[in-house]
C-alpha atoms as a PDB file:
ATOM      1  CA  UNK A   1       6.788  43.571   2.715  1.00  0.00           C
ATOM      2  CA  UNK A   2       4.077  41.157   1.571  1.00  0.00           C
ATOM      3  CA  UNK A   3       2.982  40.204   5.074  1.00  0.00           C
ATOM      4  CA  UNK A   4       2.921  43.848   6.193  1.00  0.00           C
ATOM      5  CA  UNK A   5       0.538  44.644   3.349  1.00  0.00           C
ATOM      6  CA  UNK A   6      -1.480  41.422   2.920  1.00  0.00           C
ATOM      7  CA  UNK A   7      -1.423  39.794   6.361  1.00  0.00           C
ATOM      8  CA  UNK A   8      -0.174  36.531   7.760  1.00  0.00           C
ATOM      9  CA  UNK A   9       0.818  33.317   6.023  1.00  0.00           C
ATOM     10  CA  UNK A  10      -1.774  30.560   5.728  1.00  0.00           C
ATOM     11  CA  UNK A  11       0.084  28.379   3.212  1.00  0.00           C
ATOM     12  CA  UNK A  12       3.651  28.309   1.872  1.00  0.00           C
ATOM     13  CA  UNK A  13       4.434  25.862  -0.932  1.00  0.00           C
ATOM     14  CA  UNK A  14       7.533  25.471  -3.099  1.00  0.00           C
ATOM     15  CA  UNK A  15       6.525  24.311  -6.582  1.00  0.00           C
ATOM     16  CA  UNK A  16       9.933  24.070  -8.236  1.00  0.00           C
ATOM     17  CA  UNK A  17      13.572  24.387  -7.185  1.00  0.00           C
ATOM     18  CA  UNK A  18      16.566  24.044  -9.506  1.00  0.00           C
ATOM     19  CA  UNK A  19      20.129  25.331  -9.557  1.00  0.00           C
ATOM     20  CA  UNK A  20      19.119  28.653 -11.122  1.00  0.00           C
ATOM     21  CA  UNK A  21      15.488  29.285 -10.181  1.00  0.00           C
ATOM     22  CA  UNK A  22      12.695  28.552  -7.741  1.00  0.00           C
ATOM     23  CA  UNK A  23       8.972  29.156  -7.678  1.00  0.00           C
ATOM     24  CA  UNK A  24       6.161  28.742  -5.227  1.00  0.00           C
ATOM     25  CA  UNK A  25       2.880  29.844  -3.771  1.00  0.00           C
ATOM     26  CA  UNK A  26       2.000  31.837  -0.669  1.00  0.00           C
ATOM     27  CA  UNK A  27      -1.536  32.122   0.615  1.00  0.00           C
ATOM     28  CA  UNK A  28      -1.799  35.220   2.795  1.00  0.00           C
ATOM     29  CA  UNK A  29      -4.778  36.563   4.723  1.00  0.00           C
ATOM     30  CA  UNK A  30      -5.615  39.018   1.919  1.00  0.00           C
ATOM     31  CA  UNK A  31      -3.715  37.740  -1.140  1.00  0.00           C
ATOM     32  CA  UNK A  32      -2.653  34.724  -3.174  1.00  0.00           C
ATOM     33  CA  UNK A  33       0.961  35.042  -4.306  1.00  0.00           C
ATOM     34  CA  UNK A  34       2.683  33.037  -7.032  1.00  0.00           C
ATOM     35  CA  UNK A  35       6.395  33.841  -6.793  1.00  0.00           C
ATOM     36  CA  UNK A  36       9.364  33.189  -9.053  1.00  0.00           C
ATOM     37  CA  UNK A  37      13.052  33.921  -8.319  1.00  0.00           C
ATOM     38  CA  UNK A  38      15.966  33.296 -10.661  1.00  0.00           C
ATOM     39  CA  UNK A  39      19.636  34.074 -11.160  1.00  0.00           C
ATOM     40  CA  UNK A  40      19.391  33.026 -14.814  1.00  0.00           C
ATOM     41  CA  UNK A  41      19.257  36.044 -17.168  1.00  0.00           C
ATOM     42  CA  UNK A  42      17.358  33.935 -19.718  1.00  0.00           C
ATOM     43  CA  UNK A  43      14.256  34.463 -17.568  1.00  0.00           C
ATOM     44  CA  UNK A  44      14.389  38.258 -17.833  1.00  0.00           C
ATOM     45  CA  UNK A  45      11.523  39.755 -19.844  1.00  0.00           C
ATOM     46  CA  UNK A  46      12.490  40.982 -23.293  1.00  0.00           C
ATOM     47  CA  UNK A  47      11.691  44.568 -22.304  1.00  0.00           C
ATOM     48  CA  UNK A  48      14.206  44.368 -19.449  1.00  0.00           C
ATOM     49  CA  UNK A  49      16.903  42.908 -21.695  1.00  0.00           C
ATOM     50  CA  UNK A  50      16.343  45.618 -24.335  1.00  0.00           C
ATOM     51  CA  UNK A  51      16.736  48.346 -21.729  1.00  0.00           C
ATOM     52  CA  UNK A  52      19.953  46.778 -20.390  1.00  0.00           C
ATOM     53  CA  UNK A  53      18.581  45.673 -17.016  1.00  0.00           C
ATOM     54  CA  UNK A  54      20.245  42.787 -15.215  1.00  0.00           C
ATOM     55  CA  UNK A  55      17.496  42.481 -12.633  1.00  0.00           C
ATOM     56  CA  UNK A  56      13.722  42.690 -12.839  1.00  0.00           C
ATOM     57  CA  UNK A  57      11.224  43.000 -10.000  1.00  0.00           C
ATOM     58  CA  UNK A  58       7.490  43.245 -10.432  1.00  0.00           C
ATOM     59  CA  UNK A  59       4.188  42.463  -8.799  1.00  0.00           C
ATOM     60  CA  UNK A  60       0.883  41.929 -10.586  1.00  0.00           C
ATOM     61  CA  UNK A  61      -2.314  42.794  -8.748  1.00  0.00           C
ATOM     62  CA  UNK A  62      -5.753  42.394 -10.288  1.00  0.00           C
ATOM     63  CA  UNK A  63      -4.153  42.019 -13.723  1.00  0.00           C
ATOM     64  CA  UNK A  64      -2.051  45.196 -13.507  1.00  0.00           C
ATOM     65  CA  UNK A  65       1.719  44.839 -13.307  1.00  0.00           C
ATOM     66  CA  UNK A  66       3.795  47.224 -11.203  1.00  0.00           C
ATOM     67  CA  UNK A  67       7.494  47.062 -12.047  1.00  0.00           C
ATOM     68  CA  UNK A  68       9.832  48.244  -9.279  1.00  0.00           C
ATOM     69  CA  UNK A  69      13.307  47.201 -10.390  1.00  0.00           C
ATOM     70  CA  UNK A  70      14.813  50.658  -9.997  1.00  0.00           C
ATOM     71  CA  UNK A  71      16.176  51.835  -6.656  1.00  0.00           C
ATOM     72  CA  UNK A  72      17.337  48.470  -5.319  1.00  0.00           C
ATOM     73  CA  UNK A  73      21.016  48.744  -6.249  1.00  0.00           C
ATOM     74  CA  UNK A  74      22.086  50.392  -3.001  1.00  0.00           C
ATOM     75  CA  UNK A  75      19.165  49.301  -0.818  1.00  0.00           C
ATOM     76  CA  UNK A  76      21.178  46.816   1.254  1.00  0.00           C
ATOM     77  CA  UNK A  77      24.014  49.297   1.752  1.00  0.00           C
ATOM     78  CA  UNK A  78      21.594  51.990   2.927  1.00  0.00           C
ATOM     79  CA  UNK A  79      19.877  49.489   5.234  1.00  0.00           C
ATOM     80  CA  UNK A  80      23.191  48.458   6.791  1.00  0.00           C
ATOM     81  CA  UNK A  81      24.171  52.104   7.272  1.00  0.00           C
ATOM     82  CA  UNK A  82      20.921  52.681   9.165  1.00  0.00           C
ATOM     83  CA  UNK A  83      21.462  49.541  11.263  1.00  0.00           C
ATOM     84  CA  UNK A  84      24.952  50.733  12.239  1.00  0.00           C
ATOM     85  CA  UNK A  85      23.494  54.142  13.109  1.00  0.00           C
ATOM     86  CA  UNK A  86      21.034  52.457  15.494  1.00  0.00           C
ATOM     87  CA  UNK A  87      18.005  52.902  13.244  1.00  0.00           C
ATOM     88  CA  UNK A  88      17.656  49.379  11.906  1.00  0.00           C
ATOM     89  CA  UNK A  89      14.807  46.909  12.033  1.00  0.00           C
ATOM     90  CA  UNK A  90      14.396  44.741  15.102  1.00  0.00           C
ATOM     91  CA  UNK A  91      13.951  40.994  15.288  1.00  0.00           C
ATOM     92  CA  UNK A  92      10.169  41.237  15.502  1.00  0.00           C
ATOM     93  CA  UNK A  93      10.134  43.376  12.331  1.00  0.00           C
ATOM     94  CA  UNK A  94      11.996  40.588  10.515  1.00  0.00           C
ATOM     95  CA  UNK A  95      10.451  37.522  12.157  1.00  0.00           C
ATOM     96  CA  UNK A  96       7.763  36.778   9.537  1.00  0.00           C
ATOM     97  CA  UNK A  97      10.263  37.049   6.670  1.00  0.00           C
ATOM     98  CA  UNK A  98      12.691  34.733   8.432  1.00  0.00           C
ATOM     99  CA  UNK A  99       9.910  32.222   9.113  1.00  0.00           C
ATOM    100  CA  UNK A 100       8.814  32.294   5.458  1.00  0.00           C
ATOM    101  CA  UNK A 101      12.367  31.647   4.238  1.00  0.00           C
ATOM    102  CA  UNK A 102      12.894  28.883   6.808  1.00  0.00           C
ATOM    103  CA  UNK A 103       9.705  27.128   5.655  1.00  0.00           C
ATOM    104  CA  UNK A 104      10.841  27.400   2.030  1.00  0.00           C
ATOM    105  CA  UNK A 105      14.277  26.008   2.833  1.00  0.00           C
ATOM    106  CA  UNK A 106      12.741  23.108   4.761  1.00  0.00           C
ATOM    107  CA  UNK A 107      10.785  22.117   1.642  1.00  0.00           C
ATOM    108  CA  UNK A 108      13.794  22.036  -0.683  1.00  0.00           C
ATOM    109  CA  UNK A 109      16.150  19.869   1.378  1.00  0.00           C
END
């Protein structure tokens, strides 16, 4: 999604990688992205914990946060249903994402 909106990757750096979280930096053609991923619920914002959420997804642009945690529960299932129906994404649609993940994995070995 990020490369579709903000263009190609210029830099991809992993800052931290532990057993329960990772963080890094992506420099895209039209954006600078600091990312953080975790499976540790201790990193959930207090507002998410109070509302009973087990996951939290957000993006902050120009100081304004957009939270988009809702609607992801069945996203993979719906995607797989579309793939099986012949309406899935092709390799070229996924190539940039795969390359980003491969570069991240190469840094953490």
